[in-house]
Amino acid sequence: MKIIVTISRIFVGILFIISGLIKLNDPVGFSFKLEEYFSPGVLDLGFLMPYALALAIFLVILEVLLGVLLLLGYQRKITIWSLLAMIVFFTFLTFYSAYFNKVTDCGCFGDAVKLTPWESFTKDVVLLIFIIILLLGKRFIKPLFRPRTSRIVMVISLFICGLFVNYVINHLPWIDFRPYKIGASIPDGMTVPADAPKAIFEYAWTFDVQGEETTIVTIGEYPTVDGTFLEVETTEIQKGYEPPIHDFTIEQNGEDFSETLLQEEDLVMVIAYDLAKSNFEVYNELKKATDRAIAQGFKVIGMSASNEEWSSKAINEFKLNFPFYFTDETTLKTIVRSNPGVLVLKKGIIIQKVHYNDMDELTFNN
C-alpha cells in the first residue's frame, strides 16, 4: 500500500502541476472555456460570466499549489480533500460535456494537448481513483521537509505563479500552442493534404417493407430494397483530417476576402473580437501604430465579430484609417488573447503578434 500511495502521490502531484502550468500560461484562454460552461446552452450560470477570468486564475494557481503541496507532503489532509473536491468538480464538468456534447474541448491542458470530451472524462476518472487511493492511504504520505521549509516553498510557488500570470495577462502567453503562433502560415494551416484521411459515415436507412419498418446499415451506398424509403440517420464513425486552421474568413458584405488579403505582401491585422468589450483607452496608440504602418506601405484591416454599428463607431471616434471585416468570434479569440491585438503578416505568414500593451514593439519593415 505504501508503494501504491507513493506512486499515486507522484503521479497526481506532477500531473496537477503540469496541467496547472499549461493553463497558467494562457489563463485568458481558460476563462473563455469557463464562459462556454457558464453560457445559457450549457450550465446557464450567466451571473458568473463577469468573474470567468478571476475564477480561471484562482483555479489554475490552486491546481499548481495543490500539486506542489502533495509532493511536499505538507498539510496532507487539507491537500487531499481539496484535490478530491477539485477532481469531482472537473469530473462532473467533463461528464456533462461528453454526455450532452456541449463543450467539445474541456481545456484541461489548454491548447497544448487536445482531448475529446470522453477522453477528458476518462482522464478525470483515473485521477479520481488515484486521489481516493491517497485518501485511503494518507498515513503513508510523509513530509519531505520540515513545516517551515514547506511553507517557504509554498509561498515561493505562489509568488512565481502570481508573477507569471501577471505577465501573460498583460502581454501574451509565454508559449503559444495555437496554430496562429509567430512564424505560422495561415494559408498552409488551412490546407488539407491530398492524402489526408477522409471522414467515414455510417448510414442507417429505414424502409417500409410490406407494412413493416426495416433498417439497413451501409457505409454510404444506397441499399437495394423492395420497399418505400422513410428516413436515413447518419453517424460519423471515423473522423477525417481537420486542418489546424478552419472557420477562418475575412468577410465584408457577405463576401470572403481571405484568399486575396492573405496574399498581401505587407498586411497588418487589428484583432478586436468584440468591440463592445475592447479596451478603447489604447485606441489612440493603436491609431498611431496603424498610421505608421500605412505610411510604410502596409495594408491595414480590422477584424471583429461586432456589427457594422460598432465598427463604424470605432472608426469615427478614433479616426481610424482602415476598414473592419467580419470574422467568427471564436476564431479571433484563438488568434490573439488581446482585445485589441495586432498581427503583422507577409503573404499570410505571421511575422509579429502583440498585446495592446506592447504596440510600441511593432516594427514595419518592407
Protein backbone atom coordinates (compact mmCIF):
# COMPACT_ATOMS: atom_id res chain seq x y z
CA MET A 1 0.00 0.00 0.00
CA LYS A 2 2.87 2.36 0.80
CA ILE A 3 4.33 1.86 -2.69
CA ILE A 4 0.93 2.38 -4.34
CA VAL A 5 0.35 5.59 -2.36
CA THR A 6 3.83 6.88 -3.24
CA ILE A 7 3.26 6.23 -6.95
CA SER A 8 -0.17 7.88 -6.75
CA ARG A 9 1.30 10.86 -4.90
CA ILE A 10 4.00 11.45 -7.52
CA PHE A 11 1.62 10.88 -10.46
CA VAL A 12 -1.17 13.14 -9.18
CA GLY A 13 1.22 15.85 -7.96
CA ILE A 14 3.17 16.09 -11.20
CA LEU A 15 0.03 15.94 -13.38
CA PHE A 16 -1.67 18.72 -11.39
CA ILE A 17 1.43 20.91 -11.66
CA ILE A 18 1.82 20.32 -15.41
CA SER A 19 -1.89 20.83 -16.11
CA GLY A 20 -1.97 23.96 -13.97
CA LEU A 21 1.15 25.49 -15.51
CA ILE A 22 -0.13 24.90 -19.05
CA LYS A 23 -3.36 26.71 -18.22
CA LEU A 24 -1.45 29.35 -16.25
CA ASN A 25 0.42 30.09 -19.48
CA ASP A 26 -2.92 31.09 -21.03
CA PRO A 27 -5.46 31.98 -18.31
CA VAL A 28 -7.45 34.13 -20.74
CA GLY A 29 -7.98 31.06 -22.94
CA PHE A 30 -9.11 29.05 -19.91
CA SER A 31 -11.52 31.85 -18.97
CA PHE A 32 -13.07 31.58 -22.46
CA LYS A 33 -13.58 27.88 -21.78
CA LEU A 34 -15.28 28.65 -18.45
CA GLU A 35 -17.53 31.14 -20.23
CA GLU A 36 -18.63 28.28 -22.50
CA TYR A 37 -19.63 26.27 -19.44
CA PHE A 38 -21.44 29.27 -17.93
CA SER A 39 -23.36 30.03 -21.15
CA PRO A 40 -27.16 29.54 -21.40
CA GLY A 41 -26.78 26.49 -23.65
CA VAL A 42 -24.67 24.62 -21.10
CA LEU A 43 -24.93 25.26 -17.32
CA ASP A 44 -26.76 28.60 -17.66
CA LEU A 45 -24.74 30.36 -14.95
CA GLY A 46 -24.72 33.78 -16.54
CA PHE A 47 -24.05 35.56 -13.24
CA LEU A 48 -20.56 34.00 -13.22
CA MET A 49 -19.63 35.36 -16.65
CA PRO A 50 -18.02 38.60 -15.34
CA TYR A 51 -15.84 36.55 -12.99
CA ALA A 52 -14.63 33.99 -15.53
CA LEU A 53 -11.06 35.35 -15.71
CA ALA A 54 -10.73 35.70 -11.93
CA LEU A 55 -12.05 32.15 -11.47
CA ALA A 56 -9.68 30.86 -14.14
CA ILE A 57 -6.67 32.43 -12.41
CA PHE A 58 -7.77 31.14 -9.00
CA LEU A 59 -8.36 27.59 -10.23
CA VAL A 60 -5.09 27.22 -12.15
CA ILE A 61 -2.96 28.64 -9.32
CA LEU A 62 -4.78 26.39 -6.85
CA GLU A 63 -4.15 23.44 -9.16
CA VAL A 64 -0.40 24.14 -9.21
CA LEU A 65 -0.20 24.73 -5.44
CA LEU A 66 -2.10 21.53 -4.61
CA GLY A 67 0.32 19.57 -6.78
CA VAL A 68 3.28 21.18 -5.00
CA LEU A 69 1.77 20.57 -1.55
CA LEU A 70 1.08 16.93 -2.37
CA LEU A 71 4.67 16.33 -3.44
CA LEU A 72 5.91 18.13 -0.31
CA GLY A 73 3.57 16.10 1.89
CA TYR A 74 2.60 19.31 3.69
CA GLN A 75 -0.90 19.71 5.18
CA ARG A 76 -1.77 16.34 3.67
CA LYS A 77 -5.36 16.17 4.97
CA ILE A 78 -6.38 19.58 3.61
CA THR A 79 -4.43 18.94 0.40
CA ILE A 80 -6.01 15.57 -0.36
CA TRP A 81 -9.57 16.72 0.40
CA SER A 82 -9.02 19.80 -1.78
CA LEU A 83 -7.70 17.59 -4.59
CA LEU A 84 -10.74 15.36 -4.23
CA ALA A 85 -13.15 18.33 -4.34
CA MET A 86 -11.41 19.75 -7.43
CA ILE A 87 -11.35 16.46 -9.34
CA VAL A 88 -15.01 15.75 -8.51
CA PHE A 89 -15.87 19.21 -9.88
CA PHE A 90 -13.85 18.65 -13.06
CA THR A 91 -15.21 15.11 -13.48
CA PHE A 92 -18.75 16.48 -13.37
CA LEU A 93 -17.90 19.10 -16.00
CA THR A 94 -16.21 16.64 -18.35
CA PHE A 95 -19.01 14.09 -17.98
CA TYR A 96 -21.60 16.78 -18.67
CA SER A 97 -19.65 17.88 -21.74
CA ALA A 98 -19.23 14.34 -23.03
CA TYR A 99 -22.75 13.07 -22.36
CA PHE A 100 -24.60 16.13 -23.64
CA ASN A 101 -21.93 17.06 -26.23
CA LYS A 102 -21.96 20.66 -25.04
CA VAL A 103 -18.31 21.74 -24.77
CA THR A 104 -16.17 19.77 -27.22
CA ASP A 105 -12.84 20.59 -25.53
CA CYS A 106 -12.59 20.92 -21.76
CA GLY A 107 -9.35 22.89 -21.91
CA CYS A 108 -7.73 20.58 -19.34
CA PHE A 109 -4.32 21.07 -20.94
CA GLY A 110 -5.07 24.33 -22.74
CA ASP A 111 -4.15 24.27 -26.42
CA ALA A 112 -1.07 22.10 -25.78
CA VAL A 113 -2.97 18.77 -25.70
CA LYS A 114 -6.41 18.47 -27.23
CA LEU A 115 -8.69 15.85 -25.65
CA THR A 116 -12.16 14.78 -26.72
CA PRO A 117 -14.87 15.10 -24.05
CA TRP A 118 -14.84 11.35 -23.33
CA GLU A 119 -11.03 11.31 -23.17
CA SER A 120 -11.16 14.19 -20.68
CA PHE A 121 -13.77 12.37 -18.60
CA THR A 122 -11.69 9.16 -18.62
CA LYS A 123 -8.62 11.12 -17.54
CA ASP A 124 -10.54 12.63 -14.62
CA VAL A 125 -11.92 9.24 -13.55
CA VAL A 126 -8.37 7.82 -13.48
CA LEU A 127 -7.22 10.81 -11.42
CA LEU A 128 -10.20 10.35 -9.10
CA ILE A 129 -9.15 6.74 -8.45
CA PHE A 130 -5.59 7.80 -7.65
CA ILE A 131 -6.82 10.53 -5.29
CA ILE A 132 -9.11 8.07 -3.49
CA ILE A 133 -6.05 5.85 -3.02
CA LEU A 134 -4.27 8.85 -1.49
CA LEU A 135 -7.24 9.48 0.80
CA LEU A 136 -7.30 5.87 1.99
CA GLY A 137 -3.54 5.72 2.47
CA LYS A 138 -2.84 9.26 3.68
CA ARG A 139 -0.95 7.88 6.71
CA PHE A 140 1.79 6.80 4.29
CA ILE A 141 2.28 10.36 2.98
CA LYS A 142 5.24 11.70 4.92
CA PRO A 143 6.52 15.31 4.66
CA LEU A 144 9.71 15.78 2.65
CA PHE A 145 10.84 18.76 4.74
CA ARG A 146 10.17 20.49 7.99
CA PRO A 147 6.95 22.58 8.11
CA ARG A 148 8.86 25.89 7.90
CA THR A 149 10.70 24.80 4.74
CA SER A 150 7.47 23.54 3.17
CA ARG A 151 5.78 26.88 3.90
CA ILE A 152 8.66 28.74 2.27
CA VAL A 153 8.41 26.52 -0.84
CA MET A 154 4.63 27.09 -0.95
CA VAL A 155 4.99 30.88 -0.68
CA ILE A 156 7.70 30.94 -3.36
CA SER A 157 5.49 28.81 -5.65
CA LEU A 158 2.56 31.18 -5.09
CA PHE A 159 4.79 34.21 -5.75
CA ILE A 160 6.14 32.73 -9.01
CA CYS A 161 2.61 31.82 -10.18
CA GLY A 162 1.46 35.38 -9.41
CA LEU A 163 4.33 36.95 -11.36
CA PHE A 164 3.82 34.59 -14.29
CA VAL A 165 0.06 35.10 -14.55
CA ASN A 166 0.51 38.88 -14.30
CA TYR A 167 2.95 38.75 -17.23
CA VAL A 168 0.82 36.61 -19.56
CA ILE A 169 -2.35 38.60 -18.89
CA ASN A 170 -0.68 41.93 -19.61
CA HIS A 171 1.21 40.61 -22.62
CA LEU A 172 0.59 37.28 -24.41
CA PRO A 173 1.08 33.62 -23.48
CA TRP A 174 4.75 32.83 -22.91
CA ILE A 175 4.46 29.74 -25.13
CA ASP A 176 1.95 29.87 -27.98
CA PHE A 177 0.46 26.43 -28.66
CA ARG A 178 -2.12 27.70 -31.14
CA PRO A 179 -1.92 27.44 -34.94
CA TYR A 180 -1.62 31.25 -35.17
CA LYS A 181 1.78 31.48 -33.47
CA ILE A 182 4.55 33.70 -34.86
CA GLY A 183 6.10 32.05 -37.93
CA ALA A 184 2.94 30.14 -38.84
CA SER A 185 1.42 30.40 -42.30
CA ILE A 186 -2.35 30.84 -42.19
CA PRO A 187 -2.89 29.61 -45.80
CA ASP A 188 -0.79 26.48 -45.10
CA GLY A 189 -2.72 25.89 -41.88
CA MET A 190 -5.98 25.87 -43.85
CA THR A 191 -4.73 23.35 -46.42
CA VAL A 192 -5.93 19.74 -46.43
CA PRO A 193 -3.25 17.34 -47.78
CA ALA A 194 -4.28 15.23 -50.76
CA ASP A 195 -3.58 12.02 -48.82
CA ALA A 196 -5.37 13.15 -45.66
CA PRO A 197 -7.77 10.58 -44.15
CA LYS A 198 -11.38 11.11 -45.09
CA ALA A 199 -14.31 11.00 -42.73
CA ILE A 200 -16.27 7.75 -42.77
CA PHE A 201 -20.02 7.83 -42.21
CA GLU A 202 -22.46 5.08 -41.39
CA TYR A 203 -25.97 5.36 -42.81
CA ALA A 204 -29.00 3.69 -41.24
CA TRP A 205 -31.67 3.51 -43.96
CA THR A 206 -35.25 2.86 -42.88
CA PHE A 207 -37.81 1.45 -45.34
CA ASP A 208 -41.42 0.39 -45.17
CA VAL A 209 -41.39 -3.19 -46.44
CA GLN A 210 -44.88 -4.64 -46.70
CA GLY A 211 -46.11 -2.61 -43.73
CA GLU A 212 -43.08 -3.25 -41.51
CA GLU A 213 -40.18 -0.89 -40.86
CA THR A 214 -36.84 -2.36 -41.92
CA THR A 215 -33.46 -0.68 -41.21
CA ILE A 216 -30.36 -1.42 -43.27
CA VAL A 217 -26.95 -0.05 -42.34
CA THR A 218 -24.38 0.82 -45.01
CA ILE A 219 -21.19 2.88 -45.27
CA GLY A 220 -22.62 5.19 -47.89
CA GLU A 221 -24.19 3.28 -50.72
CA TYR A 222 -27.94 3.34 -51.16
CA PRO A 223 -29.32 -0.15 -50.45
CA THR A 224 -31.47 -2.04 -52.91
CA VAL A 225 -34.71 -2.68 -51.05
CA ASP A 226 -38.16 -3.59 -52.32
CA GLY A 227 -39.97 -1.05 -50.16
CA THR A 228 -40.73 2.60 -49.55
CA PHE A 229 -37.93 4.80 -48.21
CA LEU A 230 -38.82 6.51 -44.92
CA GLU A 231 -35.67 8.13 -43.46
CA VAL A 232 -31.93 7.88 -43.03
CA GLU A 233 -29.75 8.55 -39.97
CA THR A 234 -26.11 9.46 -40.49
CA THR A 235 -23.37 8.72 -37.93
CA GLU A 236 -19.71 9.67 -38.24
CA ILE A 237 -17.77 6.56 -37.24
CA GLN A 238 -14.31 7.85 -38.15
CA LYS A 239 -13.24 11.48 -38.17
CA GLY A 240 -11.48 12.84 -41.21
CA TYR A 241 -8.49 15.16 -41.21
CA GLU A 242 -9.24 18.61 -39.88
CA PRO A 243 -6.69 21.32 -40.73
CA PRO A 244 -5.31 23.20 -37.72
CA ILE A 245 -6.86 26.43 -39.04
CA HIS A 246 -10.52 26.19 -40.01
CA ASP A 247 -13.54 28.50 -39.94
CA PHE A 248 -11.19 31.36 -40.86
CA THR A 249 -12.79 34.00 -43.06
CA ILE A 250 -12.37 37.74 -43.62
CA GLU A 251 -15.84 38.83 -44.73
CA GLN A 252 -17.38 42.09 -45.82
CA ASN A 253 -20.95 42.37 -47.11
CA GLY A 254 -21.16 38.58 -47.18
CA GLU A 255 -18.08 38.15 -49.40
CA ASP A 256 -14.96 36.33 -48.18
CA PHE A 257 -11.75 38.25 -48.96
CA SER A 258 -9.38 35.97 -47.00
CA GLU A 259 -7.70 34.42 -50.06
CA THR A 260 -6.88 37.84 -51.54
CA LEU A 261 -5.83 39.53 -48.30
CA LEU A 262 -3.61 36.64 -47.23
CA GLN A 263 -1.60 37.16 -50.40
CA GLU A 264 -0.77 40.75 -49.46
CA GLU A 265 2.97 41.33 -49.24
CA ASP A 266 2.60 43.53 -46.14
CA LEU A 267 -0.56 43.24 -44.07
CA VAL A 268 -1.48 44.43 -40.57
CA MET A 269 -4.48 42.87 -38.83
CA VAL A 270 -6.10 44.66 -35.91
CA ILE A 271 -8.00 42.00 -33.97
CA ALA A 272 -10.90 43.09 -31.75
CA TYR A 273 -13.15 40.07 -31.26
CA ASP A 274 -15.83 42.15 -29.52
CA LEU A 275 -15.66 45.93 -29.93
CA ALA A 276 -18.14 46.39 -27.08
CA LYS A 277 -15.56 44.82 -24.72
CA SER A 278 -12.47 46.26 -26.38
CA ASN A 279 -10.02 48.44 -24.40
CA PHE A 280 -10.72 51.80 -26.04
CA GLU A 281 -8.15 53.50 -23.79
CA VAL A 282 -5.41 52.21 -26.10
CA TYR A 283 -7.07 53.14 -29.41
CA ASN A 284 -5.18 56.41 -29.70
CA GLU A 285 -1.94 54.42 -29.54
CA LEU A 286 -3.47 51.92 -31.96
CA LYS A 287 -4.18 54.73 -34.43
CA LYS A 288 -0.57 55.94 -34.20
CA ALA A 289 0.73 52.43 -34.86
CA THR A 290 -1.60 51.75 -37.79
CA ASP A 291 -0.97 55.19 -39.34
CA ARG A 292 2.75 54.43 -39.13
CA ALA A 293 2.13 51.09 -40.88
CA ILE A 294 0.10 52.76 -43.64
CA ALA A 295 2.86 55.33 -44.13
CA GLN A 296 5.29 52.44 -44.62
CA GLY A 297 3.08 50.97 -47.37
CA PHE A 298 1.30 48.29 -45.31
CA LYS A 299 -2.34 47.43 -45.88
CA VAL A 300 -4.22 47.62 -42.56
CA ILE A 301 -7.52 45.94 -41.79
CA GLY A 302 -9.61 45.46 -38.68
CA MET A 303 -11.19 42.08 -37.85
CA SER A 304 -14.12 41.78 -35.46
CA ALA A 305 -17.26 39.78 -34.80
CA SER A 306 -19.11 43.00 -33.91
CA ASN A 307 -21.72 44.52 -36.18
CA GLU A 308 -21.26 47.50 -38.50
CA GLU A 309 -22.65 49.92 -35.92
CA TRP A 310 -19.80 49.17 -33.52
CA SER A 311 -17.10 49.17 -36.20
CA SER A 312 -18.33 52.50 -37.61
CA LYS A 313 -18.38 53.96 -34.10
CA ALA A 314 -14.75 52.93 -33.51
CA ILE A 315 -13.62 54.24 -36.91
CA ASN A 316 -15.35 57.60 -36.48
CA GLU A 317 -14.49 58.18 -32.82
CA PHE A 318 -10.78 57.42 -33.18
CA LYS A 319 -10.43 58.45 -36.85
CA LEU A 320 -9.07 55.05 -37.81
CA ASN A 321 -7.77 54.84 -41.37
CA PHE A 322 -8.73 51.23 -42.06
CA PRO A 323 -11.94 49.22 -42.60
CA PHE A 324 -13.27 46.41 -40.42
CA TYR A 325 -14.08 42.92 -41.70
CA PHE A 326 -16.22 40.28 -40.04
CA THR A 327 -14.63 37.11 -38.63
CA ASP A 328 -16.00 34.47 -36.26
CA GLU A 329 -15.55 35.48 -32.61
CA THR A 330 -14.10 32.13 -31.50
CA THR A 331 -11.53 32.31 -34.31
CA LEU A 332 -10.49 35.82 -33.28
CA LYS A 333 -10.18 34.77 -29.62
CA THR A 334 -7.93 31.94 -30.78
CA ILE A 335 -5.72 34.18 -32.92
CA VAL A 336 -4.67 36.56 -30.13
CA ARG A 337 -5.50 36.80 -26.42
CA SER A 338 -5.87 40.56 -26.51
CA ASN A 339 -8.75 42.88 -27.35
CA PRO A 340 -7.42 44.65 -29.37
CA GLY A 341 -4.33 42.83 -30.56
CA VAL A 342 -2.19 43.41 -33.64
CA LEU A 343 -0.66 40.99 -36.16
CA VAL A 344 1.83 41.75 -38.91
CA LEU A 345 1.82 39.31 -41.84
CA LYS A 346 3.78 38.80 -45.05
CA LYS A 347 1.84 36.76 -47.58
CA GLY A 348 -0.15 35.06 -44.85
CA ILE A 349 2.84 34.29 -42.59
CA ILE A 350 2.60 35.80 -39.11
CA ILE A 351 5.73 37.88 -38.52
CA GLN A 352 4.68 39.75 -35.38
CA LYS A 353 1.86 39.42 -32.86
CA VAL A 354 1.46 41.78 -29.91
CA HIS A 355 -0.81 42.57 -26.99
CA TYR A 356 -2.19 46.10 -26.89
CA ASN A 357 0.30 46.82 -24.09
CA ASP A 358 3.17 46.08 -26.48
CA MET A 359 2.20 48.06 -29.56
CA ASP A 360 5.37 50.13 -29.20
CA GLU A 361 7.32 46.98 -30.12
CA LEU A 362 5.77 46.82 -33.60
CA THR A 363 8.16 47.32 -36.48
CA PHE A 364 7.02 47.83 -40.06
CA ASN A 365 9.84 46.84 -42.40
CA ASN A 366 9.00 46.18 -46.06
